[in-house]
Amino acid sequence: MEKYKQTYPNQADECLTSYESEGTEDELIEKNPAASFFEFEISCENAGARLDKYLSDQIPELTRSRLQRLIKDGTVLVNGISAKASSKLSAKDQIILTIPAPEEFTARPENIPLDILYEDDDLLIVNKPKGMVVHPAAGHYTGTLVNAVLYHCQDSLSGINGVLRPGIVHRIDRNTTGSLIICKNDKAHQCIADQLKVHSITRKYRAIVHGRLTQDGTIHTTIGRNPQNRKEMAVNVPNGKDAVTHYRILESFDKFTYIECQLETGRTHQIRVHMKSIGHPILGDDVYGPSRCPFSGLKGQTLHAMTIGFLHPTTGKYMEFEAPLPEYFEKLLKKLRG
């Protein structure tokens, strides 16, 4: 049995947000903006293992290549001494791994056009295009929705989620299109976050899935990190969270079905994972769908956040907005209809 301890010297306050991280190194950094420390004592059963392979098995959030860079940089000590990635471990070896604090980064305004569905002093409702990342993260520090919103709103954005996610209270995946709420002040952010927490916000999506569904239904499972692949989510895994998706058939085709999905909860990749779990993955999904897409040029899942409804943070009145289907989606439906 491994002896293992993880230390966060300056634990950050939990942010008021409805989404979860992507299960990479960002997940560790989010928990603590300063350096993170891992300590291990090697058991007899792991004696002889390579240092990089052992750490990769113990900390799946970090890729093996990232661990090899950390080892090369001298942030991994074995019995107090820097070691090589290929070093073989012995029983009772003491390992200390330090993940350095990330370099300070602030999202900058960029003049990127926004498809605005609604705007007032509290909120901005936008229709996010395909391929746009919602907020800056590793590998995507420019061209995000946050960069565009910073330019449009200037200083009028909530600051609850920090300098990389101003105004962001929920998100959708990079290749999912559709409606998103941006909060212009902390009061609005808190109000929308509270509604997300109790699942009172209306969220309806449109999707095209593989196969012919024969009846409407509800999928109720837990969703959590896939133990075999930490970059993916899966149903009914240890430490999963409750997830509910209702779906109804809008139109049936020979090998596909056009559906509407309504969320009760908002787990990472929820609709994508749920539809895969019942044998009807979303068309174009390059993570949860078939390895080969039957339509060339289709980039990512055919999933659109069409309708969003909520109580306005100032007036208290219910408001609902609809983002029209993107052009690629309409063309695909036309092709399927023959």
Protein backbone atom coordinates (compact mmCIF):
# COMPACT_ATOMS: atom_id res chain seq x y z
CA MET A 1 0.00 0.00 0.00
CA GLU A 2 1.52 3.33 -1.04
CA LYS A 3 2.07 6.07 1.47
CA TYR A 4 1.01 9.26 -0.28
CA LYS A 5 0.39 12.85 0.74
CA GLN A 6 -0.55 15.91 -1.30
CA THR A 7 -0.10 19.41 0.12
CA TYR A 8 -1.62 22.70 -0.97
CA PRO A 9 0.06 25.41 1.12
CA ASN A 10 -2.41 28.15 0.21
CA GLN A 11 -5.73 26.47 -0.51
CA ALA A 12 -7.85 28.74 -2.73
CA ASP A 13 -11.47 29.55 -1.98
CA GLU A 14 -13.98 27.60 -4.04
CA CYS A 15 -15.16 29.66 -7.01
CA LEU A 16 -18.84 30.21 -7.67
CA THR A 17 -19.15 28.45 -11.00
CA SER A 18 -21.21 25.68 -12.49
CA TYR A 19 -18.67 23.92 -14.67
CA GLU A 20 -15.93 21.47 -13.82
CA SER A 21 -12.35 21.49 -15.04
CA GLU A 22 -11.13 19.29 -17.85
CA GLY A 23 -9.18 16.88 -15.63
CA THR A 24 -5.67 17.99 -16.59
CA GLU A 25 -2.94 19.90 -14.77
CA ASP A 26 -5.32 22.90 -14.76
CA GLU A 27 -7.43 20.95 -12.24
CA LEU A 28 -4.52 20.82 -9.81
CA ILE A 29 -3.56 24.46 -10.32
CA GLU A 30 -7.16 25.60 -9.82
CA LYS A 31 -7.16 24.08 -6.35
CA ASN A 32 -4.04 26.01 -5.43
CA PRO A 33 -2.53 28.96 -7.32
CA ALA A 34 0.83 28.47 -5.57
CA ALA A 35 3.14 25.48 -5.91
CA SER A 36 1.68 22.02 -5.16
CA PHE A 37 3.67 19.28 -3.45
CA PHE A 38 3.31 15.48 -3.66
CA GLU A 39 5.14 13.07 -1.37
CA PHE A 40 5.43 9.31 -1.86
CA GLU A 41 7.09 6.40 -0.08
CA ILE A 42 7.68 3.45 -2.40
CA SER A 43 6.23 0.09 -1.39
CA CYS A 44 7.86 -3.26 -2.09
CA GLU A 45 5.38 -4.00 -4.88
CA ASN A 46 6.52 -0.90 -6.82
CA ALA A 47 10.22 -1.50 -6.38
CA GLY A 48 11.92 -1.58 -9.79
CA ALA A 49 9.43 0.75 -11.47
CA ARG A 50 10.67 3.66 -13.58
CA LEU A 51 10.30 7.02 -11.84
CA ASP A 52 8.25 8.65 -14.64
CA LYS A 53 5.98 5.62 -15.06
CA TYR A 54 5.35 5.39 -11.32
CA LEU A 55 4.43 9.09 -11.02
CA SER A 56 2.21 8.88 -14.10
CA ASP A 57 0.27 6.04 -12.49
CA GLN A 58 -0.06 7.90 -9.20
CA ILE A 59 -1.05 11.31 -10.64
CA PRO A 60 -3.15 10.68 -13.79
CA GLU A 61 -3.98 14.41 -14.05
CA LEU A 62 -0.42 14.96 -15.31
CA THR A 63 0.72 13.53 -18.62
CA ARG A 64 3.86 11.42 -18.69
CA SER A 65 5.60 13.95 -20.94
CA ARG A 66 4.77 16.73 -18.46
CA LEU A 67 6.20 14.64 -15.61
CA GLN A 68 9.35 13.98 -17.63
CA ARG A 69 9.81 17.74 -18.08
CA LEU A 70 9.35 18.29 -14.34
CA ILE A 71 11.91 15.58 -13.59
CA LYS A 72 14.36 17.13 -16.08
CA ASP A 73 13.83 20.55 -14.45
CA GLY A 74 14.81 19.12 -11.08
CA THR A 75 11.43 19.50 -9.38
CA VAL A 76 11.32 15.77 -8.52
CA LEU A 77 13.60 14.56 -5.74
CA VAL A 78 14.26 10.94 -4.83
CA ASN A 79 15.71 10.69 -1.33
CA GLY A 80 16.54 14.39 -1.57
CA ILE A 81 18.45 14.12 -4.86
CA SER A 82 17.43 14.95 -8.45
CA ALA A 83 16.92 11.84 -10.54
CA LYS A 84 16.38 10.83 -14.16
CA ALA A 85 13.00 9.83 -15.61
CA SER A 86 14.38 6.34 -16.24
CA SER A 87 15.65 5.90 -12.68
CA LYS A 88 14.54 2.62 -11.09
CA LEU A 89 12.87 2.95 -7.71
CA SER A 90 13.65 0.92 -4.58
CA ALA A 91 11.43 0.06 -1.65
CA LYS A 92 11.14 2.86 0.93
CA ASP A 93 12.48 5.49 -1.49
CA GLN A 94 11.12 8.92 -0.61
CA ILE A 95 9.83 11.01 -3.55
CA ILE A 96 8.91 14.67 -3.43
CA LEU A 97 7.34 16.23 -6.52
CA THR A 98 6.82 19.98 -6.77
CA ILE A 99 4.50 21.45 -9.40
CA PRO A 100 5.64 25.06 -9.78
CA ALA A 101 3.10 27.84 -9.46
CA PRO A 102 1.87 28.91 -12.91
CA GLU A 103 3.19 32.12 -14.38
CA GLU A 104 0.79 34.97 -13.75
CA PHE A 105 -1.42 35.48 -16.77
CA THR A 106 -4.22 37.94 -17.37
CA ALA A 107 -6.71 37.59 -20.21
CA ARG A 108 -6.54 40.56 -22.57
CA PRO A 109 -9.32 42.20 -24.61
CA GLU A 110 -9.46 41.21 -28.28
CA ASN A 111 -11.68 42.73 -30.97
CA ILE A 112 -13.55 39.54 -31.84
CA PRO A 113 -17.15 39.86 -33.10
CA LEU A 114 -19.88 38.59 -30.77
CA ASP A 115 -23.32 37.25 -31.72
CA ILE A 116 -25.32 38.99 -28.97
CA LEU A 117 -28.81 37.68 -28.22
CA TYR A 118 -29.52 40.08 -25.33
CA GLU A 119 -27.73 42.69 -23.24
CA ASP A 120 -28.48 44.95 -20.26
CA ASP A 121 -26.56 46.35 -17.28
CA ASP A 122 -26.44 42.94 -15.56
CA LEU A 123 -26.16 40.36 -18.29
CA LEU A 124 -24.96 39.53 -21.75
CA ILE A 125 -26.40 36.52 -23.59
CA VAL A 126 -24.18 35.39 -26.47
CA ASN A 127 -24.40 32.72 -29.15
CA LYS A 128 -20.99 31.02 -29.07
CA PRO A 129 -19.66 29.77 -32.42
CA LYS A 130 -18.14 26.37 -33.06
CA GLY A 131 -14.44 26.06 -32.32
CA MET A 132 -14.29 28.91 -29.79
CA VAL A 133 -12.99 28.11 -26.29
CA VAL A 134 -14.95 29.83 -23.52
CA HIS A 135 -12.03 30.97 -21.35
CA PRO A 136 -8.22 30.94 -21.51
CA ALA A 137 -6.55 27.69 -20.49
CA ALA A 138 -3.44 25.73 -21.40
CA GLY A 139 -2.94 25.98 -25.16
CA HIS A 140 -5.72 28.55 -25.62
CA TYR A 141 -4.70 31.91 -24.23
CA THR A 142 -6.08 34.05 -27.06
CA GLY A 143 -9.16 33.99 -29.28
CA THR A 144 -11.47 32.84 -26.50
CA LEU A 145 -14.93 34.08 -25.65
CA VAL A 146 -13.47 35.82 -22.58
CA ASN A 147 -11.06 37.79 -24.78
CA ALA A 148 -14.00 38.91 -26.93
CA VAL A 149 -16.21 39.77 -23.96
CA LEU A 150 -13.43 41.79 -22.29
CA TYR A 151 -13.22 43.97 -25.39
CA HIS A 152 -17.00 44.40 -25.62
CA CYS A 153 -17.74 44.98 -21.92
CA GLN A 154 -14.45 46.62 -20.89
CA ASP A 155 -14.54 46.90 -17.08
CA SER A 156 -18.16 45.79 -16.69
CA LEU A 157 -17.71 42.12 -15.79
CA SER A 158 -18.04 40.12 -12.58
CA GLY A 159 -14.76 39.23 -10.91
CA ILE A 160 -15.83 36.21 -8.85
CA ASN A 161 -13.98 33.71 -11.04
CA GLY A 162 -10.74 35.66 -11.34
CA VAL A 163 -8.75 37.26 -14.12
CA LEU A 164 -8.99 34.33 -16.55
CA ARG A 165 -12.77 33.91 -16.29
CA PRO A 166 -14.35 37.34 -15.78
CA GLY A 167 -18.12 37.15 -16.19
CA ILE A 168 -18.12 33.39 -16.74
CA VAL A 169 -20.68 31.51 -14.64
CA HIS A 170 -21.12 28.42 -16.84
CA ARG A 171 -19.61 27.11 -20.05
CA ILE A 172 -20.07 24.83 -23.03
CA ASP A 173 -17.44 22.78 -24.85
CA ARG A 174 -15.25 24.19 -27.59
CA ASN A 175 -17.14 22.52 -30.43
CA THR A 176 -20.58 22.99 -28.90
CA THR A 177 -22.39 26.08 -30.15
CA GLY A 178 -25.11 28.18 -28.62
CA SER A 179 -26.35 30.35 -25.77
CA LEU A 180 -24.24 31.40 -22.79
CA ILE A 181 -24.85 33.84 -19.95
CA ILE A 182 -22.12 36.40 -19.21
CA CYS A 183 -22.46 38.28 -15.89
CA LYS A 184 -21.48 41.95 -15.75
CA ASN A 185 -21.33 42.26 -11.97
CA ASP A 186 -20.91 40.08 -8.90
CA LYS A 187 -24.56 40.40 -7.87
CA ALA A 188 -25.73 38.98 -11.21
CA HIS A 189 -23.07 36.26 -11.05
CA GLN A 190 -24.16 35.17 -7.59
CA CYS A 191 -27.83 35.12 -8.63
CA ILE A 192 -27.22 33.00 -11.75
CA ALA A 193 -24.81 30.70 -9.88
CA ASP A 194 -27.49 30.11 -7.23
CA GLN A 195 -30.03 29.19 -9.92
CA LEU A 196 -27.54 26.80 -11.55
CA LYS A 197 -26.87 25.21 -8.18
CA VAL A 198 -30.54 24.33 -7.64
CA HIS A 199 -31.02 23.35 -11.31
CA SER A 200 -33.72 25.95 -11.95
CA ILE A 201 -32.26 27.34 -15.17
CA THR A 202 -33.85 26.08 -18.40
CA ARG A 203 -31.21 24.58 -20.70
CA LYS A 204 -32.33 22.91 -23.91
CA TYR A 205 -29.94 21.56 -26.51
CA ARG A 206 -30.34 20.25 -30.06
CA ALA A 207 -28.29 17.29 -31.21
CA ILE A 208 -28.05 14.70 -33.96
CA VAL A 209 -27.21 11.23 -32.67
CA HIS A 210 -26.21 7.97 -34.29
CA GLY A 211 -28.96 5.39 -34.72
CA ARG A 212 -32.75 5.59 -34.64
CA LEU A 213 -34.30 6.31 -31.27
CA THR A 214 -37.80 4.91 -30.94
CA GLN A 215 -39.11 6.86 -27.94
CA ASP A 216 -38.41 9.81 -25.69
CA GLY A 217 -36.63 9.15 -22.43
CA THR A 218 -34.64 10.22 -19.39
CA ILE A 219 -31.08 9.22 -18.54
CA HIS A 220 -30.26 9.31 -14.82
CA THR A 221 -26.76 8.21 -13.80
CA THR A 222 -23.72 9.57 -12.05
CA ILE A 223 -20.92 11.11 -14.14
CA GLY A 224 -17.26 11.38 -13.17
CA ARG A 225 -13.73 11.01 -14.49
CA ASN A 226 -13.09 7.86 -16.49
CA PRO A 227 -10.58 5.84 -14.40
CA GLN A 228 -9.01 4.51 -17.63
CA ASN A 229 -8.71 7.94 -19.27
CA ARG A 230 -8.75 11.01 -17.04
CA LYS A 231 -9.42 13.33 -19.99
CA GLU A 232 -12.81 11.68 -20.53
CA MET A 233 -15.93 11.39 -18.44
CA ALA A 234 -17.95 8.22 -17.86
CA VAL A 235 -21.20 7.12 -16.24
CA ASN A 236 -21.46 5.26 -12.94
CA VAL A 237 -17.83 5.58 -11.91
CA PRO A 238 -16.47 6.02 -8.35
CA ASN A 239 -16.99 9.54 -7.00
CA GLY A 240 -19.33 10.46 -9.86
CA LYS A 241 -21.96 13.17 -9.42
CA ASP A 242 -25.69 12.88 -10.04
CA ALA A 243 -26.63 13.68 -13.66
CA VAL A 244 -30.05 13.82 -15.34
CA THR A 245 -30.78 14.40 -19.04
CA HIS A 246 -34.24 14.33 -20.64
CA TYR A 247 -34.41 13.79 -24.40
CA ARG A 248 -37.20 13.81 -26.97
CA ILE A 249 -37.25 12.90 -30.64
CA LEU A 250 -37.72 15.75 -33.09
CA GLU A 251 -37.08 13.90 -36.34
CA SER A 252 -35.91 10.44 -37.37
CA PHE A 253 -33.71 9.53 -40.33
CA ASP A 254 -32.32 6.29 -41.73
CA LYS A 255 -29.28 6.04 -39.46
CA PHE A 256 -29.60 9.13 -37.26
CA THR A 257 -32.06 10.92 -34.96
CA TYR A 258 -32.51 14.65 -34.40
CA ILE A 259 -33.29 15.25 -30.73
CA GLU A 260 -33.79 17.89 -28.08
CA CYS A 261 -32.08 17.38 -24.72
CA GLN A 262 -33.01 19.23 -21.55
CA LEU A 263 -30.57 19.29 -18.66
CA GLU A 264 -31.48 19.03 -15.01
CA THR A 265 -27.81 19.02 -14.00
CA GLY A 266 -24.71 20.44 -15.68
CA ARG A 267 -21.90 17.92 -15.51
CA THR A 268 -18.85 18.04 -17.75
CA HIS A 269 -19.70 16.56 -21.18
CA GLN A 270 -23.07 15.45 -19.75
CA ILE A 271 -25.14 15.10 -22.93
CA ARG A 272 -22.25 13.61 -24.87
CA VAL A 273 -21.55 11.00 -22.19
CA HIS A 274 -25.22 10.22 -21.57
CA MET A 275 -26.04 9.64 -25.24
CA LYS A 276 -23.00 7.41 -25.61
CA SER A 277 -24.12 5.43 -22.54
CA ILE A 278 -27.37 4.39 -24.26
CA GLY A 279 -25.65 3.52 -27.54
CA HIS A 280 -26.50 6.71 -29.43
CA PRO A 281 -23.39 8.94 -29.40
CA ILE A 282 -23.62 12.41 -30.91
CA LEU A 283 -22.74 12.68 -34.58
CA GLY A 284 -19.25 14.13 -35.07
CA ASP A 285 -18.16 13.57 -31.47
CA ASP A 286 -14.46 12.75 -31.79
CA VAL A 287 -14.16 11.71 -28.13
CA TYR A 288 -17.27 9.68 -27.37
CA GLY A 289 -18.41 8.74 -30.87
CA PRO A 290 -17.14 6.37 -33.60
CA SER A 291 -13.55 6.86 -34.74
CA ARG A 292 -14.68 7.63 -38.29
CA CYS A 293 -17.25 10.34 -38.99
CA PRO A 294 -19.61 9.58 -41.90
CA PHE A 295 -19.65 13.26 -42.96
CA SER A 296 -16.37 14.80 -44.09
CA GLY A 297 -15.57 18.25 -42.79
CA LEU A 298 -17.68 17.94 -39.66
CA LYS A 299 -15.54 19.24 -36.81
CA GLY A 300 -16.65 18.01 -33.41
CA GLN A 301 -20.01 17.08 -31.97
CA THR A 302 -23.30 18.19 -33.54
CA LEU A 303 -24.55 19.80 -30.35
CA HIS A 304 -26.17 23.22 -29.94
CA ALA A 305 -27.22 25.00 -26.73
CA MET A 306 -30.40 26.40 -28.19
CA THR A 307 -32.54 27.66 -25.30
CA ILE A 308 -31.61 29.22 -21.98
CA GLY A 309 -34.08 30.59 -19.42
CA PHE A 310 -33.62 32.09 -15.95
CA LEU A 311 -34.87 34.64 -13.44
CA HIS A 312 -33.35 38.05 -14.08
CA PRO A 313 -31.04 39.02 -11.19
CA THR A 314 -32.55 42.50 -10.82
CA THR A 315 -36.19 42.30 -11.95
CA GLY A 316 -36.82 38.72 -10.82
CA LYS A 317 -38.78 38.09 -14.02
CA TYR A 318 -38.32 34.89 -16.01
CA MET A 319 -36.47 35.44 -19.28
CA GLU A 320 -35.82 32.96 -22.06
CA PHE A 321 -33.60 33.23 -25.13
CA GLU A 322 -33.08 31.05 -28.16
CA ALA A 323 -29.92 30.79 -30.24
CA PRO A 324 -30.71 29.83 -33.85
CA LEU A 325 -29.14 26.68 -35.22
CA PRO A 326 -25.75 27.34 -36.85
CA GLU A 327 -25.48 27.12 -40.60
CA TYR A 328 -23.50 23.86 -40.60
CA PHE A 329 -26.22 22.21 -38.49
CA GLU A 330 -29.01 23.38 -40.81
CA LYS A 331 -27.11 22.11 -43.87
CA LEU A 332 -26.58 18.74 -42.23
CA LEU A 333 -30.28 18.41 -41.41
CA LYS A 334 -31.14 19.28 -45.01
CA LYS A 335 -28.75 16.59 -46.25
CA LEU A 336 -30.25 14.00 -43.92
CA ARG A 337 -33.76 14.88 -45.08
CA GLY A 338 -32.66 14.17 -48.63
